[in-house]
Amino acid sequence: MLIGLAYDLRDDYRAMGFAEEQCAEFDSPETIAALEAALVRLGHRVERIGHVRALAARLVEGRRWDLVFNICEGVAGRSREAQVPALLEAFDQPYTFADPLVMAATLDKAVAKRLVRDHGLATAPFVLVTRSADLDKVDLPFPLFAKPVAEGTGKGVSPASLVRSRKELERTCRRLLARYAQPVLVETFLPGREFTVGIVGTGPSARVVGTLAIELLPGAEPGVYSFTNKERCEEVVRYTLVDDAEARTAAELALACYRALECRDAGRVDLRSDAAGRPHFLEVNPLAGLHPTHSDLPICASLAGLGYDRLIEAIVLSASERVGLRVTKSGRLAAR
């Protein structure tokens, strides 16, 4: 099968003058090389496309692929992850992962939490602070947790996100509003264990790959799975595959949230438990990172015995089945 690879490369945006934090969600050359190599080992031909503008130019020229493997994060706006899927749908081009609606709804953490809550699934109470005047509307018991509503990779999350007083809340929210120019999600702090659950498949066929417990080591920023801790995860974070009663509850909740939000092909759901050990939905990543050793989903797949190539294969097969493509083990399209 001919697979087009759509991605945002950190080096490209650094060359455009983007700051390091602005590039945090974009991919490294190592990720693109690893993904391309895995697809080739699975029997596919791969054509590198690049970012949304490069994709748009090729589509207008009439270029097509059997499938586009899309890992573009987008640059600006809370619907940035929806840009490439929307463009691909406009040209009737099959692609991996969630559709534009799901990408936009899940990047906005408040929208995702409302949808999860409406399905009767556990998520912490929250308030959205869109401007400083909204701070008066926050009527939740401390401690609270504050973070930008539409960022990924832990951007905007630091030890200051955990606030224990009205003064700390106001200071943190004003700083986040000014720095990220978007609303701040303020939710009840969950003091229990933190999990991330890897999932592959779509709808009824979706299944849990594994559940990781996240443990911060000495030298990590204390108390939070922050942007800095995620960037330095090899040094300051321990990921452990867990299967105790609380972890199984987390996995069940994660799968229910993944299905409720209509994610496709693969993704990762983050959860944290309350003081009683009851897991709650934090957020979902329908476009999870795919660096073989640095990203949570491949780490989960590796620890669960699935491996990187099998993870990529599961994603391609799920997408192919959705759009009616039959793929042989050699990566060829089978006759219908």
C-alpha atoms as a PDB file:
ATOM      1  CA  MET A   1       0.000   0.000   0.000  1.00  0.00           C
ATOM      2  CA  LEU A   2       1.234   3.528  -0.746  1.00  0.00           C
ATOM      3  CA  ILE A   3       1.090   5.531   2.489  1.00  0.00           C
ATOM      4  CA  GLY A   4       1.593   9.280   2.650  1.00  0.00           C
ATOM      5  CA  LEU A   5       3.163  10.496   5.878  1.00  0.00           C
ATOM      6  CA  ALA A   6       1.843  13.860   7.121  1.00  0.00           C
ATOM      7  CA  TYR A   7       3.686  15.415  10.065  1.00  0.00           C
ATOM      8  CA  ASP A   8       4.909  18.602  11.715  1.00  0.00           C
ATOM      9  CA  LEU A   9       8.682  18.508  12.134  1.00  0.00           C
ATOM     10  CA  ARG A  10      10.200  20.444  15.034  1.00  0.00           C
ATOM     11  CA  ASP A  11      13.211  21.475  12.973  1.00  0.00           C
ATOM     12  CA  ASP A  12      10.990  23.071  10.309  1.00  0.00           C
ATOM     13  CA  TYR A  13       9.279  25.290  12.858  1.00  0.00           C
ATOM     14  CA  ARG A  14      12.502  26.142  14.693  1.00  0.00           C
ATOM     15  CA  ALA A  15      13.800  27.398  11.341  1.00  0.00           C
ATOM     16  CA  MET A  16      10.704  29.630  11.130  1.00  0.00           C
ATOM     17  CA  GLY A  17      11.629  31.209  14.471  1.00  0.00           C
ATOM     18  CA  PHE A  18       9.299  29.267  16.772  1.00  0.00           C
ATOM     19  CA  ALA A  19      10.343  29.064  20.422  1.00  0.00           C
ATOM     20  CA  GLU A  20      11.190  25.673  21.927  1.00  0.00           C
ATOM     21  CA  GLU A  21       7.931  25.361  23.872  1.00  0.00           C
ATOM     22  CA  GLN A  22       5.952  26.246  20.742  1.00  0.00           C
ATOM     23  CA  CYS A  23       7.554  23.229  19.054  1.00  0.00           C
ATOM     24  CA  ALA A  24       6.869  20.836  21.926  1.00  0.00           C
ATOM     25  CA  GLU A  25       4.046  18.955  20.225  1.00  0.00           C
ATOM     26  CA  PHE A  26       5.851  18.599  16.907  1.00  0.00           C
ATOM     27  CA  ASP A  27       7.876  15.560  15.946  1.00  0.00           C
ATOM     28  CA  SER A  28      11.600  14.914  15.853  1.00  0.00           C
ATOM     29  CA  PRO A  29      13.405  13.517  12.805  1.00  0.00           C
ATOM     30  CA  GLU A  30      13.872  10.315  14.830  1.00  0.00           C
ATOM     31  CA  THR A  31      10.104   9.858  15.133  1.00  0.00           C
ATOM     32  CA  ILE A  32       9.504  10.294  11.406  1.00  0.00           C
ATOM     33  CA  ALA A  33      12.368   7.951  10.528  1.00  0.00           C
ATOM     34  CA  ALA A  34      11.133   5.306  12.978  1.00  0.00           C
ATOM     35  CA  LEU A  35       7.558   5.512  11.708  1.00  0.00           C
ATOM     36  CA  GLU A  36       8.645   5.346   8.072  1.00  0.00           C
ATOM     37  CA  ALA A  37      10.928   2.370   8.783  1.00  0.00           C
ATOM     38  CA  ALA A  38       8.156   0.496  10.598  1.00  0.00           C
ATOM     39  CA  LEU A  39       5.746   1.024   7.707  1.00  0.00           C
ATOM     40  CA  VAL A  40       8.355  -0.206   5.214  1.00  0.00           C
ATOM     41  CA  ARG A  41       9.040  -3.290   7.347  1.00  0.00           C
ATOM     42  CA  LEU A  42       5.302  -3.962   7.275  1.00  0.00           C
ATOM     43  CA  GLY A  43       5.453  -4.053   3.480  1.00  0.00           C
ATOM     44  CA  HIS A  44       4.213  -0.560   2.596  1.00  0.00           C
ATOM     45  CA  ARG A  45       5.689   2.118   0.352  1.00  0.00           C
ATOM     46  CA  VAL A  46       6.007   5.476   2.109  1.00  0.00           C
ATOM     47  CA  GLU A  47       6.019   8.996   0.748  1.00  0.00           C
ATOM     48  CA  ARG A  48       6.918  11.808   3.119  1.00  0.00           C
ATOM     49  CA  ILE A  49       4.542  14.753   2.787  1.00  0.00           C
ATOM     50  CA  GLY A  50       5.173  17.062   5.738  1.00  0.00           C
ATOM     51  CA  HIS A  51       2.928  19.754   7.200  1.00  0.00           C
ATOM     52  CA  VAL A  52      -0.536  20.954   6.212  1.00  0.00           C
ATOM     53  CA  ARG A  53       0.607  23.427   3.565  1.00  0.00           C
ATOM     54  CA  ALA A  54       2.782  20.826   1.843  1.00  0.00           C
ATOM     55  CA  LEU A  55      -0.166  18.422   1.984  1.00  0.00           C
ATOM     56  CA  ALA A  56      -2.529  21.020   0.523  1.00  0.00           C
ATOM     57  CA  ALA A  57      -0.177  21.730  -2.366  1.00  0.00           C
ATOM     58  CA  ARG A  58       0.099  18.047  -3.265  1.00  0.00           C
ATOM     59  CA  LEU A  59      -3.629  17.461  -3.045  1.00  0.00           C
ATOM     60  CA  VAL A  60      -4.313  20.414  -5.351  1.00  0.00           C
ATOM     61  CA  GLU A  61      -1.767  18.974  -7.801  1.00  0.00           C
ATOM     62  CA  GLY A  62      -3.838  15.780  -7.858  1.00  0.00           C
ATOM     63  CA  ARG A  63      -1.543  13.611  -5.717  1.00  0.00           C
ATOM     64  CA  ARG A  64      -3.269  10.736  -3.899  1.00  0.00           C
ATOM     65  CA  TRP A  65      -2.285   7.857  -1.620  1.00  0.00           C
ATOM     66  CA  ASP A  66      -3.984   4.652  -0.551  1.00  0.00           C
ATOM     67  CA  LEU A  67      -3.856   6.021   2.993  1.00  0.00           C
ATOM     68  CA  VAL A  68      -2.410   9.095   4.712  1.00  0.00           C
ATOM     69  CA  PHE A  69      -0.812   8.359   8.058  1.00  0.00           C
ATOM     70  CA  ASN A  70      -1.549  11.663   9.752  1.00  0.00           C
ATOM     71  CA  ILE A  71       0.337  12.847  12.842  1.00  0.00           C
ATOM     72  CA  CYS A  72       0.042  16.612  12.196  1.00  0.00           C
ATOM     73  CA  GLU A  73      -0.628  18.638  15.346  1.00  0.00           C
ATOM     74  CA  GLY A  74      -1.271  21.970  13.655  1.00  0.00           C
ATOM     75  CA  VAL A  75       0.078  25.340  14.695  1.00  0.00           C
ATOM     76  CA  ALA A  76      -2.601  27.705  15.993  1.00  0.00           C
ATOM     77  CA  GLY A  77      -6.101  27.646  17.428  1.00  0.00           C
ATOM     78  CA  ARG A  78      -8.051  25.122  19.456  1.00  0.00           C
ATOM     79  CA  SER A  79      -9.085  23.304  16.269  1.00  0.00           C
ATOM     80  CA  ARG A  80      -5.531  23.016  14.921  1.00  0.00           C
ATOM     81  CA  GLU A  81      -5.494  19.196  15.110  1.00  0.00           C
ATOM     82  CA  ALA A  82      -8.641  19.149  12.960  1.00  0.00           C
ATOM     83  CA  GLN A  83      -7.078  21.044  10.049  1.00  0.00           C
ATOM     84  CA  VAL A  84      -5.411  18.109   8.291  1.00  0.00           C
ATOM     85  CA  PRO A  85      -8.342  15.684   8.737  1.00  0.00           C
ATOM     86  CA  ALA A  86     -10.722  18.345   7.362  1.00  0.00           C
ATOM     87  CA  LEU A  87      -8.460  18.950   4.375  1.00  0.00           C
ATOM     88  CA  LEU A  88      -8.172  15.225   3.679  1.00  0.00           C
ATOM     89  CA  GLU A  89     -11.935  14.791   3.872  1.00  0.00           C
ATOM     90  CA  ALA A  90     -12.422  17.678   1.431  1.00  0.00           C
ATOM     91  CA  PHE A  91     -10.345  15.699  -1.094  1.00  0.00           C
ATOM     92  CA  ASP A  92     -11.908  12.322  -0.228  1.00  0.00           C
ATOM     93  CA  GLN A  93      -8.501  11.025   0.886  1.00  0.00           C
ATOM     94  CA  PRO A  94      -8.510   8.182   3.492  1.00  0.00           C
ATOM     95  CA  TYR A  95      -6.402   8.792   6.590  1.00  0.00           C
ATOM     96  CA  THR A  96      -5.583   7.478  10.047  1.00  0.00           C
ATOM     97  CA  PHE A  97      -6.962   8.558  13.412  1.00  0.00           C
ATOM     98  CA  ALA A  98      -9.911  10.720  14.429  1.00  0.00           C
ATOM     99  CA  ASP A  99     -12.087  12.921  12.237  1.00  0.00           C
ATOM    100  CA  PRO A 100     -12.123  16.755  12.450  1.00  0.00           C
ATOM    101  CA  LEU A 101     -14.986  16.925  14.957  1.00  0.00           C
ATOM    102  CA  VAL A 102     -13.307  14.560  17.405  1.00  0.00           C
ATOM    103  CA  MET A 103      -9.919  16.237  17.009  1.00  0.00           C
ATOM    104  CA  ALA A 104     -11.385  19.639  17.837  1.00  0.00           C
ATOM    105  CA  ALA A 105     -13.594  18.425  20.689  1.00  0.00           C
ATOM    106  CA  THR A 106     -10.832  16.507  22.434  1.00  0.00           C
ATOM    107  CA  LEU A 107      -8.148  19.184  22.143  1.00  0.00           C
ATOM    108  CA  ASP A 108     -10.485  21.463  24.117  1.00  0.00           C
ATOM    109  CA  LYS A 109     -10.280  19.727  27.500  1.00  0.00           C
ATOM    110  CA  ALA A 110     -13.446  21.371  28.827  1.00  0.00           C
ATOM    111  CA  VAL A 111     -15.500  20.158  25.840  1.00  0.00           C
ATOM    112  CA  ALA A 112     -14.073  16.658  26.230  1.00  0.00           C
ATOM    113  CA  LYS A 113     -14.895  16.615  29.948  1.00  0.00           C
ATOM    114  CA  ARG A 114     -18.464  17.751  29.268  1.00  0.00           C
ATOM    115  CA  LEU A 115     -18.938  14.967  26.738  1.00  0.00           C
ATOM    116  CA  VAL A 116     -17.483  12.380  29.107  1.00  0.00           C
ATOM    117  CA  ARG A 117     -19.633  13.680  31.959  1.00  0.00           C
ATOM    118  CA  ASP A 118     -22.759  13.537  29.783  1.00  0.00           C
ATOM    119  CA  HIS A 119     -22.028   9.852  29.220  1.00  0.00           C
ATOM    120  CA  GLY A 120     -22.095   9.325  32.982  1.00  0.00           C
ATOM    121  CA  LEU A 121     -18.339   8.750  33.195  1.00  0.00           C
ATOM    122  CA  ALA A 122     -16.204  10.038  36.052  1.00  0.00           C
ATOM    123  CA  THR A 123     -14.314  13.296  35.631  1.00  0.00           C
ATOM    124  CA  ALA A 124     -13.444  15.922  38.242  1.00  0.00           C
ATOM    125  CA  PRO A 125     -15.705  18.989  38.678  1.00  0.00           C
ATOM    126  CA  PHE A 126     -14.321  21.998  36.813  1.00  0.00           C
ATOM    127  CA  VAL A 127     -14.765  25.654  35.911  1.00  0.00           C
ATOM    128  CA  LEU A 128     -13.514  27.427  32.797  1.00  0.00           C
ATOM    129  CA  VAL A 129     -11.764  30.759  33.387  1.00  0.00           C
ATOM    130  CA  THR A 130     -11.791  32.765  30.164  1.00  0.00           C
ATOM    131  CA  ARG A 131     -10.808  36.097  31.723  1.00  0.00           C
ATOM    132  CA  SER A 132      -9.746  37.371  35.124  1.00  0.00           C
ATOM    133  CA  ALA A 133     -13.319  38.355  36.009  1.00  0.00           C
ATOM    134  CA  ASP A 134     -14.283  34.658  35.839  1.00  0.00           C
ATOM    135  CA  LEU A 135     -12.138  33.908  38.871  1.00  0.00           C
ATOM    136  CA  ASP A 136     -15.039  35.033  41.058  1.00  0.00           C
ATOM    137  CA  LYS A 137     -17.097  32.150  39.611  1.00  0.00           C
ATOM    138  CA  VAL A 138     -14.692  29.488  40.836  1.00  0.00           C
ATOM    139  CA  ASP A 139     -16.579  27.873  43.701  1.00  0.00           C
ATOM    140  CA  LEU A 140     -14.729  24.585  44.145  1.00  0.00           C
ATOM    141  CA  PRO A 141     -12.910  23.388  47.268  1.00  0.00           C
ATOM    142  CA  PHE A 142      -9.139  23.688  47.337  1.00  0.00           C
ATOM    143  CA  PRO A 143      -6.741  22.281  46.315  1.00  0.00           C
ATOM    144  CA  LEU A 144      -7.430  22.862  42.614  1.00  0.00           C
ATOM    145  CA  PHE A 145      -5.492  22.263  39.420  1.00  0.00           C
ATOM    146  CA  ALA A 146      -5.188  24.861  36.623  1.00  0.00           C
ATOM    147  CA  LYS A 147      -3.933  24.381  33.068  1.00  0.00           C
ATOM    148  CA  PRO A 148      -4.531  25.796  29.571  1.00  0.00           C
ATOM    149  CA  VAL A 149      -7.693  24.357  28.063  1.00  0.00           C
ATOM    150  CA  ALA A 150      -6.296  23.480  24.637  1.00  0.00           C
ATOM    151  CA  GLU A 151      -2.638  22.524  24.873  1.00  0.00           C
ATOM    152  CA  GLY A 152      -0.832  19.185  24.747  1.00  0.00           C
ATOM    153  CA  THR A 153       2.455  17.661  25.901  1.00  0.00           C
ATOM    154  CA  GLY A 154       1.940  19.206  29.330  1.00  0.00           C
ATOM    155  CA  LYS A 155       2.363  22.756  28.019  1.00  0.00           C
ATOM    156  CA  GLY A 156       1.394  25.211  30.744  1.00  0.00           C
ATOM    157  CA  VAL A 157       1.481  22.520  33.433  1.00  0.00           C
ATOM    158  CA  SER A 158       3.988  23.102  36.229  1.00  0.00           C
ATOM    159  CA  PRO A 159       4.101  22.815  40.031  1.00  0.00           C
ATOM    160  CA  ALA A 160       2.301  26.193  40.093  1.00  0.00           C
ATOM    161  CA  SER A 161      -0.718  24.480  38.490  1.00  0.00           C
ATOM    162  CA  LEU A 162      -1.528  22.903  41.849  1.00  0.00           C
ATOM    163  CA  VAL A 163      -3.135  25.762  43.772  1.00  0.00           C
ATOM    164  CA  ARG A 164      -4.115  25.680  47.435  1.00  0.00           C
ATOM    165  CA  SER A 165      -5.523  29.149  47.992  1.00  0.00           C
ATOM    166  CA  ARG A 166      -7.487  31.893  46.280  1.00  0.00           C
ATOM    167  CA  LYS A 167      -4.322  33.952  45.952  1.00  0.00           C
ATOM    168  CA  GLU A 168      -2.421  31.122  44.239  1.00  0.00           C
ATOM    169  CA  LEU A 169      -5.383  30.467  41.938  1.00  0.00           C
ATOM    170  CA  GLU A 170      -5.567  34.075  40.814  1.00  0.00           C
ATOM    171  CA  ARG A 171      -1.818  34.314  40.258  1.00  0.00           C
ATOM    172  CA  THR A 172      -1.622  31.073  38.240  1.00  0.00           C
ATOM    173  CA  CYS A 173      -4.713  31.787  36.129  1.00  0.00           C
ATOM    174  CA  ARG A 174      -3.620  35.315  35.266  1.00  0.00           C
ATOM    175  CA  ARG A 175      -0.202  34.025  34.234  1.00  0.00           C
ATOM    176  CA  LEU A 176      -1.671  31.271  32.052  1.00  0.00           C
ATOM    177  CA  LEU A 177      -4.216  33.594  30.450  1.00  0.00           C
ATOM    178  CA  ALA A 178      -1.484  36.034  29.519  1.00  0.00           C
ATOM    179  CA  ARG A 179       1.003  33.448  28.273  1.00  0.00           C
ATOM    180  CA  TYR A 180      -1.262  31.128  26.287  1.00  0.00           C
ATOM    181  CA  ALA A 181      -4.076  33.503  25.231  1.00  0.00           C
ATOM    182  CA  GLN A 182      -6.761  30.887  25.861  1.00  0.00           C
ATOM    183  CA  PRO A 183      -9.096  29.901  28.718  1.00  0.00           C
ATOM    184  CA  VAL A 184      -7.791  28.095  31.784  1.00  0.00           C
ATOM    185  CA  LEU A 185      -9.371  24.852  32.958  1.00  0.00           C
ATOM    186  CA  VAL A 186      -9.653  24.800  36.744  1.00  0.00           C
ATOM    187  CA  GLU A 187     -10.661  21.453  38.218  1.00  0.00           C
ATOM    188  CA  THR A 188     -10.737  19.678  41.546  1.00  0.00           C
ATOM    189  CA  PHE A 189      -7.296  18.236  42.269  1.00  0.00           C
ATOM    190  CA  LEU A 190      -7.170  14.446  42.325  1.00  0.00           C
ATOM    191  CA  PRO A 191      -4.450  13.335  44.792  1.00  0.00           C
ATOM    192  CA  GLY A 192      -4.304   9.633  43.862  1.00  0.00           C
ATOM    193  CA  ARG A 193      -2.347   7.562  41.356  1.00  0.00           C
ATOM    194  CA  GLU A 194      -1.900   8.760  37.785  1.00  0.00           C
ATOM    195  CA  PHE A 195      -2.427   6.428  34.838  1.00  0.00           C
ATOM    196  CA  THR A 196      -2.178   6.588  31.086  1.00  0.00           C
ATOM    197  CA  VAL A 197      -4.002   3.909  29.085  1.00  0.00           C
ATOM    198  CA  GLY A 198      -3.006   2.936  25.561  1.00  0.00           C
ATOM    199  CA  ILE A 199      -5.815   1.884  23.213  1.00  0.00           C
ATOM    200  CA  VAL A 200      -5.935   0.595  19.623  1.00  0.00           C
ATOM    201  CA  GLY A 201      -8.909   0.066  17.336  1.00  0.00           C
ATOM    202  CA  THR A 202     -12.212   1.777  16.643  1.00  0.00           C
ATOM    203  CA  GLY A 203     -15.659   1.515  18.256  1.00  0.00           C
ATOM    204  CA  PRO A 204     -16.570  -1.997  19.451  1.00  0.00           C
ATOM    205  CA  SER A 205     -13.220  -3.285  18.138  1.00  0.00           C
ATOM    206  CA  ALA A 206     -11.209  -0.893  20.309  1.00  0.00           C
ATOM    207  CA  ARG A 207      -9.145  -2.591  23.015  1.00  0.00           C
ATOM    208  CA  VAL A 208      -6.763  -1.650  25.779  1.00  0.00           C
ATOM    209  CA  VAL A 209      -3.092  -2.296  25.005  1.00  0.00           C
ATOM    210  CA  GLY A 210      -1.991  -1.651  28.560  1.00  0.00           C
ATOM    211  CA  THR A 211      -2.218   0.642  31.554  1.00  0.00           C
ATOM    212  CA  LEU A 212       0.823   2.541  32.780  1.00  0.00           C
ATOM    213  CA  ALA A 213       1.225   3.978  36.250  1.00  0.00           C
ATOM    214  CA  ILE A 214       3.226   7.219  36.160  1.00  0.00           C
ATOM    215  CA  GLU A 215       5.688   7.713  39.006  1.00  0.00           C
ATOM    216  CA  LEU A 216       7.829  10.829  39.392  1.00  0.00           C
ATOM    217  CA  LEU A 217      11.413  10.135  40.450  1.00  0.00           C
ATOM    218  CA  PRO A 218      13.828  12.284  42.473  1.00  0.00           C
ATOM    219  CA  GLY A 219      14.852  15.265  40.376  1.00  0.00           C
ATOM    220  CA  ALA A 220      11.416  15.663  38.779  1.00  0.00           C
ATOM    221  CA  GLU A 221       9.298  18.748  39.233  1.00  0.00           C
ATOM    222  CA  PRO A 222       7.260  17.691  42.280  1.00  0.00           C
ATOM    223  CA  GLY A 223       3.639  16.599  42.272  1.00  0.00           C
ATOM    224  CA  VAL A 224       2.648  17.030  38.608  1.00  0.00           C
ATOM    225  CA  TYR A 225       3.265  15.312  35.281  1.00  0.00           C
ATOM    226  CA  SER A 226       4.434  18.630  33.895  1.00  0.00           C
ATOM    227  CA  PHE A 227       5.795  19.832  30.575  1.00  0.00           C
ATOM    228  CA  THR A 228       9.327  19.670  31.963  1.00  0.00           C
ATOM    229  CA  ASN A 229       8.849  16.182  33.388  1.00  0.00           C
ATOM    230  CA  LYS A 230       7.439  14.922  30.086  1.00  0.00           C
ATOM    231  CA  GLU A 231      10.361  16.383  28.140  1.00  0.00           C
ATOM    232  CA  ARG A 232      12.816  14.731  30.581  1.00  0.00           C
ATOM    233  CA  CYS A 233      10.808  11.544  31.089  1.00  0.00           C
ATOM    234  CA  GLU A 234      13.761   9.206  30.486  1.00  0.00           C
ATOM    235  CA  GLU A 235      15.482  10.746  33.537  1.00  0.00           C
ATOM    236  CA  VAL A 236      12.691  11.628  35.959  1.00  0.00           C
ATOM    237  CA  VAL A 237       9.657   9.420  35.229  1.00  0.00           C
ATOM    238  CA  ARG A 238       9.104   5.704  35.823  1.00  0.00           C
ATOM    239  CA  TYR A 239       6.421   3.982  33.709  1.00  0.00           C
ATOM    240  CA  THR A 240       5.147   0.706  35.116  1.00  0.00           C
ATOM    241  CA  LEU A 241       2.677  -1.628  33.435  1.00  0.00           C
ATOM    242  CA  VAL A 242       0.026  -2.304  36.085  1.00  0.00           C
ATOM    243  CA  ASP A 243      -2.915  -4.678  36.362  1.00  0.00           C
ATOM    244  CA  ASP A 244      -4.238  -4.349  39.913  1.00  0.00           C
ATOM    245  CA  ALA A 245      -7.900  -3.660  40.720  1.00  0.00           C
ATOM    246  CA  GLU A 246      -7.550   0.139  40.536  1.00  0.00           C
ATOM    247  CA  ALA A 247      -5.618  -0.088  37.262  1.00  0.00           C
ATOM    248  CA  ARG A 248      -8.289  -2.347  35.757  1.00  0.00           C
ATOM    249  CA  THR A 249     -10.945   0.181  36.744  1.00  0.00           C
ATOM    250  CA  ALA A 250      -8.841   2.893  35.084  1.00  0.00           C
ATOM    251  CA  ALA A 251      -8.581   0.780  31.915  1.00  0.00           C
ATOM    252  CA  GLU A 252     -12.343   0.202  31.797  1.00  0.00           C
ATOM    253  CA  LEU A 253     -13.026   3.904  32.263  1.00  0.00           C
ATOM    254  CA  ALA A 254     -10.421   4.843  29.638  1.00  0.00           C
ATOM    255  CA  LEU A 255     -11.944   2.521  27.051  1.00  0.00           C
ATOM    256  CA  ALA A 256     -15.451   3.836  27.797  1.00  0.00           C
ATOM    257  CA  CYS A 257     -14.232   7.432  27.381  1.00  0.00           C
ATOM    258  CA  TYR A 258     -12.347   6.590  24.166  1.00  0.00           C
ATOM    259  CA  ARG A 259     -15.502   5.084  22.690  1.00  0.00           C
ATOM    260  CA  ALA A 260     -17.774   7.849  23.991  1.00  0.00           C
ATOM    261  CA  LEU A 261     -15.550  10.481  22.363  1.00  0.00           C
ATOM    262  CA  GLU A 262     -15.468   8.426  19.125  1.00  0.00           C
ATOM    263  CA  CYS A 263     -11.685   8.190  18.845  1.00  0.00           C
ATOM    264  CA  ARG A 264     -10.355   5.943  16.089  1.00  0.00           C
ATOM    265  CA  ASP A 265      -7.439   3.613  15.313  1.00  0.00           C
ATOM    266  CA  ALA A 266      -5.356   4.384  18.425  1.00  0.00           C
ATOM    267  CA  GLY A 267      -5.001   6.892  21.229  1.00  0.00           C
ATOM    268  CA  ARG A 268      -4.156   7.414  24.845  1.00  0.00           C
ATOM    269  CA  VAL A 269      -6.383   8.320  27.781  1.00  0.00           C
ATOM    270  CA  ASP A 270      -4.990  10.009  30.901  1.00  0.00           C
ATOM    271  CA  LEU A 271      -6.628   9.459  34.281  1.00  0.00           C
ATOM    272  CA  ARG A 272      -6.005  10.203  37.930  1.00  0.00           C
ATOM    273  CA  SER A 273      -7.600   8.747  41.045  1.00  0.00           C
ATOM    274  CA  ASP A 274      -9.263  10.617  43.876  1.00  0.00           C
ATOM    275  CA  ALA A 275      -8.380  10.128  47.544  1.00  0.00           C
ATOM    276  CA  ALA A 276     -10.553   6.991  47.653  1.00  0.00           C
ATOM    277  CA  GLY A 277      -8.706   5.372  44.748  1.00  0.00           C
ATOM    278  CA  ARG A 278     -11.438   5.987  42.150  1.00  0.00           C
ATOM    279  CA  PRO A 279     -10.006   6.823  38.715  1.00  0.00           C
ATOM    280  CA  HIS A 280     -11.304   9.906  36.883  1.00  0.00           C
ATOM    281  CA  PHE A 281     -10.886  11.010  33.273  1.00  0.00           C
ATOM    282  CA  LEU A 282      -8.380  13.844  32.762  1.00  0.00           C
ATOM    283  CA  GLU A 283      -8.005  14.053  29.000  1.00  0.00           C
ATOM    284  CA  VAL A 284      -7.624  11.997  25.841  1.00  0.00           C
ATOM    285  CA  ASN A 285      -5.028  12.205  23.116  1.00  0.00           C
ATOM    286  CA  PRO A 286      -6.511  10.921  19.835  1.00  0.00           C
ATOM    287  CA  LEU A 287      -3.226  11.771  18.104  1.00  0.00           C
ATOM    288  CA  ALA A 288      -0.744  10.257  20.543  1.00  0.00           C
ATOM    289  CA  GLY A 289       2.997  10.707  20.059  1.00  0.00           C
ATOM    290  CA  LEU A 290       4.780   7.873  18.248  1.00  0.00           C
ATOM    291  CA  HIS A 291       8.457   8.224  19.148  1.00  0.00           C
ATOM    292  CA  PRO A 292       9.467   4.600  19.859  1.00  0.00           C
ATOM    293  CA  THR A 293      11.080   5.242  23.254  1.00  0.00           C
ATOM    294  CA  HIS A 294       9.969   8.729  24.325  1.00  0.00           C
ATOM    295  CA  SER A 295       6.193   8.716  23.696  1.00  0.00           C
ATOM    296  CA  ASP A 296       3.757   7.182  26.172  1.00  0.00           C
ATOM    297  CA  LEU A 297       1.759   5.039  23.714  1.00  0.00           C
ATOM    298  CA  PRO A 298       4.772   3.205  22.224  1.00  0.00           C
ATOM    299  CA  ILE A 299       6.237   2.813  25.723  1.00  0.00           C
ATOM    300  CA  CYS A 300       2.960   1.222  26.800  1.00  0.00           C
ATOM    301  CA  ALA A 301       2.892  -1.041  23.740  1.00  0.00           C
ATOM    302  CA  SER A 302       6.483  -2.114  24.339  1.00  0.00           C
ATOM    303  CA  LEU A 303       5.948  -2.937  28.009  1.00  0.00           C
ATOM    304  CA  ALA A 304       2.760  -4.830  27.122  1.00  0.00           C
ATOM    305  CA  GLY A 305       4.647  -6.990  24.620  1.00  0.00           C
ATOM    306  CA  LEU A 306       3.032  -5.547  21.500  1.00  0.00           C
ATOM    307  CA  GLY A 307       6.109  -3.772  20.180  1.00  0.00           C
ATOM    308  CA  TYR A 308       6.451  -0.741  17.922  1.00  0.00           C
ATOM    309  CA  ASP A 309       5.899  -2.424  14.547  1.00  0.00           C
ATOM    310  CA  ARG A 310       2.794  -4.252  15.759  1.00  0.00           C
ATOM    311  CA  LEU A 311       1.424  -0.981  17.168  1.00  0.00           C
ATOM    312  CA  ILE A 312       1.865   0.766  13.816  1.00  0.00           C
ATOM    313  CA  GLU A 313       0.374  -2.256  12.053  1.00  0.00           C
ATOM    314  CA  ALA A 314      -2.689  -2.159  14.319  1.00  0.00           C
ATOM    315  CA  ILE A 315      -3.214   1.521  13.497  1.00  0.00           C
ATOM    316  CA  VAL A 316      -2.946   0.945   9.739  1.00  0.00           C
ATOM    317  CA  LEU A 317      -5.241  -2.079   9.832  1.00  0.00           C
ATOM    318  CA  SER A 318      -7.862  -0.242  11.890  1.00  0.00           C
ATOM    319  CA  ALA A 319      -7.859   2.711   9.478  1.00  0.00           C
ATOM    320  CA  SER A 320      -7.891   0.442   6.431  1.00  0.00           C
ATOM    321  CA  GLU A 321     -10.863  -1.541   7.719  1.00  0.00           C
ATOM    322  CA  ARG A 322     -12.784   1.678   8.443  1.00  0.00           C
ATOM    323  CA  VAL A 323     -12.438   2.926   4.890  1.00  0.00           C
ATOM    324  CA  GLY A 324     -12.948  -0.438   3.192  1.00  0.00           C
ATOM    325  CA  LEU A 325      -9.352  -1.254   2.245  1.00  0.00           C
ATOM    326  CA  ARG A 326      -8.270  -4.880   2.553  1.00  0.00           C
ATOM    327  CA  VAL A 327      -4.551  -5.179   3.247  1.00  0.00           C
ATOM    328  CA  THR A 328      -2.513  -8.380   3.034  1.00  0.00           C
ATOM    329  CA  LYS A 329       0.325  -9.225   5.422  1.00  0.00           C
ATOM    330  CA  SER A 330       2.784  -8.017   2.771  1.00  0.00           C
ATOM    331  CA  GLY A 331       1.206  -4.559   2.830  1.00  0.00           C
ATOM    332  CA  ARG A 332      -0.519  -4.973  -0.524  1.00  0.00           C
ATOM    333  CA  LEU A 333      -4.118  -4.060  -1.195  1.00  0.00           C
ATOM    334  CA  ALA A 334      -6.214  -7.192  -1.558  1.00  0.00           C
ATOM    335  CA  ALA A 335      -8.836  -7.544  -4.258  1.00  0.00           C
ATOM    336  CA  ARG A 336     -12.315  -6.617  -3.005  1.00  0.00           C
END
